[in-house]
Structures are given as C-alpha cells and as structure tokens.
Amino acid sequence: MVVPATCSQSMLPNATATCEQTVSIASNNGSATLTVADKDTDTNLTHTNGTDTIATAAGAVAQGTSSWNISVADTSVTNAAMVASTGTPIEIFSGAISGADKTFNITYNFGTAANQAAGTYSDMITYTVSAL
C-alpha cells in the first residue's frame, strides 16, 4: 500500500518550525515494513512562487540555515534527510504487528536562512507499507 503525504509549511526568514503527522499501519499478514521516500527525484521543498527552495539535509535544523528533514518518535529515524524516489527509502519500521494498528508520530523539521523568502513551502513524499 502506498500513501502520499503532504505537509505544507508557512515559513519566515531566519526561523525554525515543525509540522507533525501521525501514520498508522496494519497488516493481516502479522508483520510489515513501513518506508518513506520523496514522490519524485526533487527532494527540495518548493515555495509557492515556484522558485525558492529549501533543500533536505541530515542533522538538526537551525535558525539561519536553510534545510528540512524527518524524525519519527521511538525509532532510529532522527533528523534524516529525505531520499529521492530513485534512492533507497528510509525504513521506519520492519517487524511484527499484532492486534491493533501500529502508529508512528512523524515530525518534519524546517529551518530557513536569513535571506529565505517568506511563505509556504511544500513537497510530496510517499509512505509505503509492505508485508514481510
């Protein structure tokens, strides 16, 4: 199963922000893998003006530095740079799922440079769930 996800973020110059999302998975197979990658080969967040961008980068985002990444609570995915659709997806979970759905709390981290254009930036990523 493939689930597209969008998190648009309005940003000001020289700032940091986060956007949170919950992803839940279930498996009638008893186990599953959850991965995420960009929907295409462009991993930048793009301003609504179509010109200004924020590049993905691993590590903590900081005020004054233009970057974005993803963290997933209670997993090894912390401040991970998003990968292109042609790359190896980020593995969020792989293992047994018994009974109820398994829920993941996703945080998208954003930072902007002092000269960053204010406004809304977005990109589309794809979560993929597959049976083991």
N, C-alpha and C. Protein backbone atom coordinates (compact mmCIF):
# COMPACT_ATOMS: atom_id res chain seq x y z
N MET A 1 0.84 -1.17 0.00
CA MET A 1 0.00 0.00 0.00
C MET A 1 0.89 1.23 0.00
N VAL A 2 0.57 2.20 -0.82
CA VAL A 2 1.32 3.45 -0.91
C VAL A 2 0.40 4.58 -0.49
N VAL A 3 0.90 5.42 0.43
CA VAL A 3 0.11 6.53 0.94
C VAL A 3 0.89 7.82 0.72
N PRO A 4 0.42 8.74 -0.14
CA PRO A 4 1.10 10.03 -0.29
C PRO A 4 0.81 10.91 0.92
N ALA A 5 1.78 11.72 1.29
CA ALA A 5 1.61 12.61 2.43
C ALA A 5 2.08 14.01 2.06
N THR A 6 1.34 15.00 2.48
CA THR A 6 1.71 16.38 2.22
C THR A 6 1.67 17.15 3.52
N CYS A 7 2.70 17.95 3.72
CA CYS A 7 2.75 18.83 4.88
C CYS A 7 3.27 20.16 4.36
N SER A 8 2.41 21.10 4.12
CA SER A 8 2.82 22.44 3.68
C SER A 8 3.12 23.28 4.90
N GLN A 9 4.18 24.05 4.83
CA GLN A 9 4.59 24.84 5.99
C GLN A 9 4.83 26.28 5.59
N SER A 10 4.19 27.21 6.27
CA SER A 10 4.44 28.63 6.06
C SER A 10 5.66 29.02 6.88
N MET A 11 6.65 29.60 6.23
CA MET A 11 7.91 29.91 6.89
C MET A 11 8.26 31.39 6.78
N LEU A 12 8.96 31.88 7.80
CA LEU A 12 9.54 33.21 7.81
C LEU A 12 11.05 33.07 7.67
N PRO A 13 11.75 34.10 7.22
CA PRO A 13 13.21 34.03 7.15
C PRO A 13 13.82 33.85 8.55
N ASN A 14 14.97 33.18 8.59
CA ASN A 14 15.76 33.02 9.82
C ASN A 14 14.92 32.39 10.95
N ALA A 15 14.25 31.29 10.66
CA ALA A 15 13.35 30.67 11.63
C ALA A 15 13.46 29.15 11.58
N THR A 16 12.88 28.51 12.59
CA THR A 16 12.70 27.06 12.58
C THR A 16 11.22 26.76 12.83
N ALA A 17 10.78 25.61 12.37
CA ALA A 17 9.40 25.20 12.57
C ALA A 17 9.31 23.69 12.44
N THR A 18 8.21 23.13 12.92
CA THR A 18 7.94 21.71 12.75
C THR A 18 6.51 21.52 12.28
N CYS A 19 6.27 20.41 11.65
CA CYS A 19 4.93 20.00 11.24
C CYS A 19 4.81 18.54 11.65
N GLU A 20 3.74 18.19 12.33
CA GLU A 20 3.60 16.83 12.85
C GLU A 20 2.46 16.10 12.14
N GLN A 21 2.65 14.79 12.01
CA GLN A 21 1.69 13.95 11.32
C GLN A 21 1.73 12.56 11.96
N THR A 22 0.59 11.89 11.99
CA THR A 22 0.53 10.52 12.51
C THR A 22 0.26 9.58 11.35
N VAL A 23 1.03 8.50 11.29
CA VAL A 23 0.84 7.47 10.28
C VAL A 23 0.57 6.17 11.01
N SER A 24 -0.53 5.50 10.67
CA SER A 24 -0.88 4.21 11.28
C SER A 24 -0.88 3.13 10.21
N ILE A 25 -0.36 1.96 10.58
CA ILE A 25 -0.35 0.84 9.65
C ILE A 25 -0.96 -0.39 10.32
N ALA A 26 -1.44 -1.29 9.50
CA ALA A 26 -1.97 -2.56 9.97
C ALA A 26 -1.56 -3.63 8.95
N SER A 27 -1.53 -4.86 9.40
CA SER A 27 -1.18 -5.94 8.49
C SER A 27 -1.99 -7.18 8.83
N ASN A 28 -2.64 -7.75 7.84
CA ASN A 28 -3.32 -9.02 8.07
C ASN A 28 -2.36 -10.19 7.86
N ASN A 29 -1.10 -9.85 7.63
CA ASN A 29 -0.03 -10.84 7.49
C ASN A 29 0.70 -11.04 8.81
N GLY A 30 0.47 -10.16 9.79
CA GLY A 30 1.13 -10.25 11.09
C GLY A 30 2.44 -9.49 11.18
N SER A 31 2.96 -9.04 10.04
CA SER A 31 4.19 -8.25 10.04
C SER A 31 4.22 -7.35 8.81
N ALA A 32 4.99 -6.29 8.91
CA ALA A 32 5.03 -5.33 7.81
C ALA A 32 6.29 -4.47 7.89
N THR A 33 6.54 -3.79 6.79
CA THR A 33 7.61 -2.81 6.72
C THR A 33 7.00 -1.48 6.30
N LEU A 34 7.41 -0.40 6.95
CA LEU A 34 6.98 0.95 6.60
C LEU A 34 8.20 1.75 6.19
N THR A 35 8.15 2.31 4.98
CA THR A 35 9.25 3.14 4.48
C THR A 35 8.70 4.47 3.98
N VAL A 36 9.60 5.42 3.77
CA VAL A 36 9.22 6.72 3.22
C VAL A 36 10.31 7.20 2.27
N ALA A 37 9.88 7.84 1.19
CA ALA A 37 10.79 8.46 0.22
C ALA A 37 10.03 9.60 -0.46
N ASP A 38 10.77 10.47 -1.12
CA ASP A 38 10.13 11.54 -1.86
C ASP A 38 9.32 10.94 -3.01
N LYS A 39 8.29 11.64 -3.42
CA LYS A 39 7.43 11.15 -4.51
C LYS A 39 8.16 11.18 -5.85
N ASP A 40 9.17 12.05 -5.97
CA ASP A 40 9.92 12.18 -7.22
C ASP A 40 11.41 12.34 -6.90
N THR A 41 12.18 12.78 -7.86
CA THR A 41 13.63 12.92 -7.65
C THR A 41 14.03 14.26 -7.05
N ASP A 42 13.10 15.18 -6.93
CA ASP A 42 13.37 16.50 -6.35
C ASP A 42 12.97 16.48 -4.87
N THR A 43 13.94 16.48 -3.99
CA THR A 43 13.68 16.40 -2.54
C THR A 43 13.56 17.77 -1.88
N ASN A 44 13.65 18.83 -2.66
CA ASN A 44 13.52 20.18 -2.11
C ASN A 44 12.07 20.48 -1.75
N LEU A 45 11.88 21.31 -0.74
CA LEU A 45 10.59 21.95 -0.52
C LEU A 45 10.58 23.15 -1.45
N THR A 46 9.46 23.38 -2.11
CA THR A 46 9.39 24.47 -3.08
C THR A 46 8.36 25.50 -2.63
N HIS A 47 8.75 26.75 -2.69
CA HIS A 47 7.89 27.89 -2.35
C HIS A 47 6.75 27.96 -3.37
N THR A 48 5.64 28.54 -2.97
CA THR A 48 4.51 28.69 -3.89
C THR A 48 4.86 29.56 -5.10
N ASN A 49 5.95 30.33 -5.01
CA ASN A 49 6.37 31.13 -6.16
C ASN A 49 7.07 30.26 -7.22
N GLY A 50 7.34 28.99 -6.89
CA GLY A 50 7.95 28.06 -7.83
C GLY A 50 9.44 28.22 -8.00
N THR A 51 10.04 29.19 -7.32
CA THR A 51 11.47 29.47 -7.49
C THR A 51 12.30 29.13 -6.25
N ASP A 52 11.91 29.66 -5.11
CA ASP A 52 12.68 29.47 -3.89
C ASP A 52 12.48 28.06 -3.34
N THR A 53 13.57 27.50 -2.79
CA THR A 53 13.52 26.13 -2.28
C THR A 53 14.23 26.01 -0.93
N ILE A 54 13.94 24.92 -0.24
CA ILE A 54 14.64 24.52 0.98
C ILE A 54 15.10 23.09 0.74
N ALA A 55 16.40 22.87 0.76
CA ALA A 55 16.96 21.54 0.50
C ALA A 55 16.88 20.65 1.73
N THR A 56 16.78 19.36 1.50
CA THR A 56 16.79 18.41 2.60
C THR A 56 18.23 18.18 3.06
N ALA A 57 18.40 17.97 4.36
CA ALA A 57 19.73 17.72 4.91
C ALA A 57 19.59 16.97 6.23
N ALA A 58 20.52 16.06 6.47
CA ALA A 58 20.53 15.32 7.73
C ALA A 58 21.08 16.21 8.84
N GLY A 59 20.70 15.91 10.07
CA GLY A 59 21.18 16.66 11.23
C GLY A 59 20.16 17.69 11.69
N ALA A 60 20.42 18.25 12.84
CA ALA A 60 19.49 19.22 13.42
C ALA A 60 19.36 20.44 12.51
N VAL A 61 18.13 20.89 12.31
CA VAL A 61 17.92 22.12 11.56
C VAL A 61 18.15 23.30 12.50
N ALA A 62 18.58 24.42 11.93
CA ALA A 62 18.90 25.56 12.77
C ALA A 62 18.42 26.85 12.12
N GLN A 63 18.09 27.78 12.96
CA GLN A 63 17.75 29.12 12.51
C GLN A 63 18.95 29.68 11.76
N GLY A 64 18.72 30.24 10.60
CA GLY A 64 19.82 30.80 9.81
C GLY A 64 20.36 29.85 8.77
N THR A 65 19.90 28.59 8.79
CA THR A 65 20.34 27.59 7.81
C THR A 65 19.12 27.01 7.12
N SER A 66 19.13 27.02 5.82
CA SER A 66 18.00 26.53 5.03
C SER A 66 18.09 25.01 4.88
N SER A 67 17.20 24.27 5.57
CA SER A 67 17.18 22.81 5.45
C SER A 67 15.89 22.25 6.03
N TRP A 68 15.60 20.98 5.66
CA TRP A 68 14.45 20.27 6.23
C TRP A 68 14.80 18.79 6.31
N ASN A 69 14.12 18.08 7.23
CA ASN A 69 14.31 16.65 7.36
C ASN A 69 13.16 16.03 8.14
N ILE A 70 13.27 14.74 8.43
CA ILE A 70 12.20 13.99 9.07
C ILE A 70 12.72 13.24 10.29
N SER A 71 11.90 13.20 11.33
CA SER A 71 12.18 12.40 12.53
C SER A 71 10.92 11.60 12.85
N VAL A 72 11.11 10.39 13.38
CA VAL A 72 9.99 9.54 13.76
C VAL A 72 10.20 9.11 15.20
N ALA A 73 9.27 9.48 16.07
CA ALA A 73 9.39 9.16 17.50
C ALA A 73 9.53 7.66 17.73
N ASP A 74 10.36 7.30 18.69
CA ASP A 74 10.55 5.92 19.12
C ASP A 74 11.09 5.00 18.03
N THR A 75 11.85 5.57 17.08
CA THR A 75 12.52 4.78 16.05
C THR A 75 13.94 5.32 15.91
N SER A 76 14.70 4.73 15.00
CA SER A 76 16.06 5.22 14.75
C SER A 76 16.09 6.35 13.72
N VAL A 77 14.94 6.77 13.23
CA VAL A 77 14.88 7.84 12.24
C VAL A 77 14.84 9.19 12.96
N THR A 78 15.99 9.86 12.98
CA THR A 78 16.13 11.14 13.66
C THR A 78 16.84 12.13 12.75
N ASN A 79 16.17 13.21 12.42
CA ASN A 79 16.75 14.26 11.58
C ASN A 79 17.36 13.67 10.30
N ALA A 80 16.61 12.80 9.65
CA ALA A 80 17.08 12.13 8.42
C ALA A 80 16.71 12.95 7.19
N ALA A 81 17.67 13.08 6.30
CA ALA A 81 17.41 13.75 5.02
C ALA A 81 16.48 12.87 4.19
N MET A 82 15.53 13.49 3.52
CA MET A 82 14.61 12.74 2.67
C MET A 82 15.36 12.21 1.47
N VAL A 83 15.02 11.01 1.03
CA VAL A 83 15.66 10.41 -0.14
C VAL A 83 14.75 10.55 -1.35
N ALA A 84 15.35 10.63 -2.52
CA ALA A 84 14.60 10.72 -3.77
C ALA A 84 13.89 9.40 -4.05
N SER A 85 12.91 9.46 -4.92
CA SER A 85 12.14 8.26 -5.28
C SER A 85 13.02 7.18 -5.89
N THR A 86 14.16 7.56 -6.44
CA THR A 86 15.07 6.59 -7.05
C THR A 86 16.08 6.02 -6.06
N GLY A 87 16.11 6.54 -4.84
CA GLY A 87 17.05 6.08 -3.83
C GLY A 87 16.47 4.97 -2.96
N THR A 88 17.24 4.54 -1.98
CA THR A 88 16.77 3.55 -1.01
C THR A 88 15.89 4.25 0.00
N PRO A 89 14.63 3.84 0.13
CA PRO A 89 13.72 4.51 1.06
C PRO A 89 14.21 4.44 2.51
N ILE A 90 13.79 5.39 3.31
CA ILE A 90 14.09 5.38 4.74
C ILE A 90 13.18 4.35 5.40
N GLU A 91 13.77 3.38 6.08
CA GLU A 91 12.97 2.37 6.77
C GLU A 91 12.59 2.88 8.15
N ILE A 92 11.30 3.02 8.37
CA ILE A 92 10.79 3.49 9.66
C ILE A 92 10.53 2.32 10.59
N PHE A 93 10.00 1.23 10.02
CA PHE A 93 9.64 0.07 10.84
C PHE A 93 9.69 -1.19 9.99
N SER A 94 10.12 -2.27 10.61
CA SER A 94 10.05 -3.59 9.99
C SER A 94 9.91 -4.61 11.10
N GLY A 95 8.77 -5.29 11.15
CA GLY A 95 8.58 -6.28 12.20
C GLY A 95 7.15 -6.70 12.37
N ALA A 96 6.90 -7.33 13.50
CA ALA A 96 5.58 -7.89 13.78
C ALA A 96 4.58 -6.80 14.18
N ILE A 97 3.36 -7.00 13.73
CA ILE A 97 2.24 -6.15 14.14
C ILE A 97 1.16 -7.11 14.62
N SER A 98 0.88 -7.04 15.90
CA SER A 98 -0.14 -7.94 16.42
C SER A 98 -1.32 -7.14 16.95
N GLY A 99 -2.50 -7.57 16.60
CA GLY A 99 -3.71 -6.90 17.09
C GLY A 99 -3.94 -5.57 16.43
N ALA A 100 -3.92 -4.52 17.21
CA ALA A 100 -4.27 -3.17 16.75
C ALA A 100 -3.23 -2.60 15.79
N ASP A 101 -3.62 -1.53 15.12
CA ASP A 101 -2.72 -0.82 14.22
C ASP A 101 -1.50 -0.33 14.98
N LYS A 102 -0.39 -0.15 14.26
CA LYS A 102 0.81 0.42 14.84
C LYS A 102 0.87 1.86 14.35
N THR A 103 1.05 2.79 15.28
CA THR A 103 1.02 4.22 14.96
C THR A 103 2.40 4.83 15.13
N PHE A 104 2.74 5.73 14.22
CA PHE A 104 4.04 6.40 14.24
C PHE A 104 3.80 7.91 14.23
N ASN A 105 4.51 8.61 15.10
CA ASN A 105 4.43 10.07 15.18
C ASN A 105 5.59 10.66 14.39
N ILE A 106 5.25 11.31 13.29
CA ILE A 106 6.23 11.85 12.36
C ILE A 106 6.38 13.35 12.61
N THR A 107 7.63 13.83 12.62
CA THR A 107 7.88 15.26 12.72
C THR A 107 8.75 15.68 11.54
N TYR A 108 8.28 16.68 10.82
CA TYR A 108 9.06 17.28 9.75
C TYR A 108 9.69 18.54 10.35
N ASN A 109 11.00 18.66 10.23
CA ASN A 109 11.76 19.77 10.82
C ASN A 109 12.20 20.73 9.71
N PHE A 110 12.01 22.03 9.94
CA PHE A 110 12.32 23.04 8.93
C PHE A 110 13.20 24.14 9.53
N GLY A 111 14.14 24.62 8.74
CA GLY A 111 14.94 25.78 9.11
C GLY A 111 15.12 26.67 7.90
N THR A 112 15.18 27.97 8.12
CA THR A 112 15.35 28.89 7.00
C THR A 112 16.53 29.83 7.23
N ALA A 113 17.13 30.26 6.14
CA ALA A 113 18.22 31.21 6.17
C ALA A 113 17.67 32.62 6.34
N ALA A 114 18.54 33.55 6.69
CA ALA A 114 18.12 34.94 6.91
C ALA A 114 17.55 35.56 5.64
N ASN A 115 18.01 35.11 4.47
CA ASN A 115 17.54 35.67 3.20
C ASN A 115 16.47 34.80 2.52
N GLN A 116 15.92 33.85 3.27
CA GLN A 116 14.90 32.94 2.72
C GLN A 116 13.60 33.70 2.45
N ALA A 117 12.97 33.44 1.33
CA ALA A 117 11.68 34.07 1.02
C ALA A 117 10.62 33.56 1.99
N ALA A 118 9.87 34.47 2.58
CA ALA A 118 8.77 34.09 3.46
C ALA A 118 7.66 33.49 2.63
N GLY A 119 6.93 32.56 3.23
CA GLY A 119 5.79 31.99 2.53
C GLY A 119 5.65 30.50 2.76
N THR A 120 4.83 29.86 1.94
CA THR A 120 4.52 28.44 2.10
C THR A 120 5.42 27.60 1.20
N TYR A 121 6.01 26.57 1.80
CA TYR A 121 6.88 25.62 1.11
C TYR A 121 6.25 24.24 1.22
N SER A 122 6.36 23.44 0.18
CA SER A 122 5.79 22.09 0.24
C SER A 122 6.53 21.12 -0.67
N ASP A 123 6.29 19.86 -0.44
CA ASP A 123 6.79 18.77 -1.26
C ASP A 123 5.87 17.59 -0.99
N MET A 124 5.92 16.58 -1.81
CA MET A 124 5.12 15.39 -1.56
C MET A 124 6.05 14.20 -1.36
N ILE A 125 5.77 13.45 -0.30
CA ILE A 125 6.52 12.24 -0.01
C ILE A 125 5.55 11.06 -0.01
N THR A 126 6.10 9.85 -0.08
CA THR A 126 5.25 8.66 -0.15
C THR A 126 5.66 7.66 0.92
N TYR A 127 4.69 7.28 1.74
CA TYR A 127 4.87 6.20 2.70
C TYR A 127 4.45 4.91 2.03
N THR A 128 5.24 3.86 2.18
CA THR A 128 4.91 2.56 1.59
C THR A 128 4.87 1.50 2.69
N VAL A 129 3.80 0.74 2.72
CA VAL A 129 3.66 -0.37 3.66
C VAL A 129 3.66 -1.65 2.83
N SER A 130 4.51 -2.59 3.24
CA SER A 130 4.54 -3.86 2.53
C SER A 130 4.62 -5.00 3.54
N ALA A 131 4.03 -6.13 3.20
CA ALA A 131 4.07 -7.30 4.06
C ALA A 131 5.45 -7.93 4.03
N LEU A 132 5.86 -8.49 5.16
CA LEU A 132 7.16 -9.19 5.21
C LEU A 132 7.00 -10.61 4.75
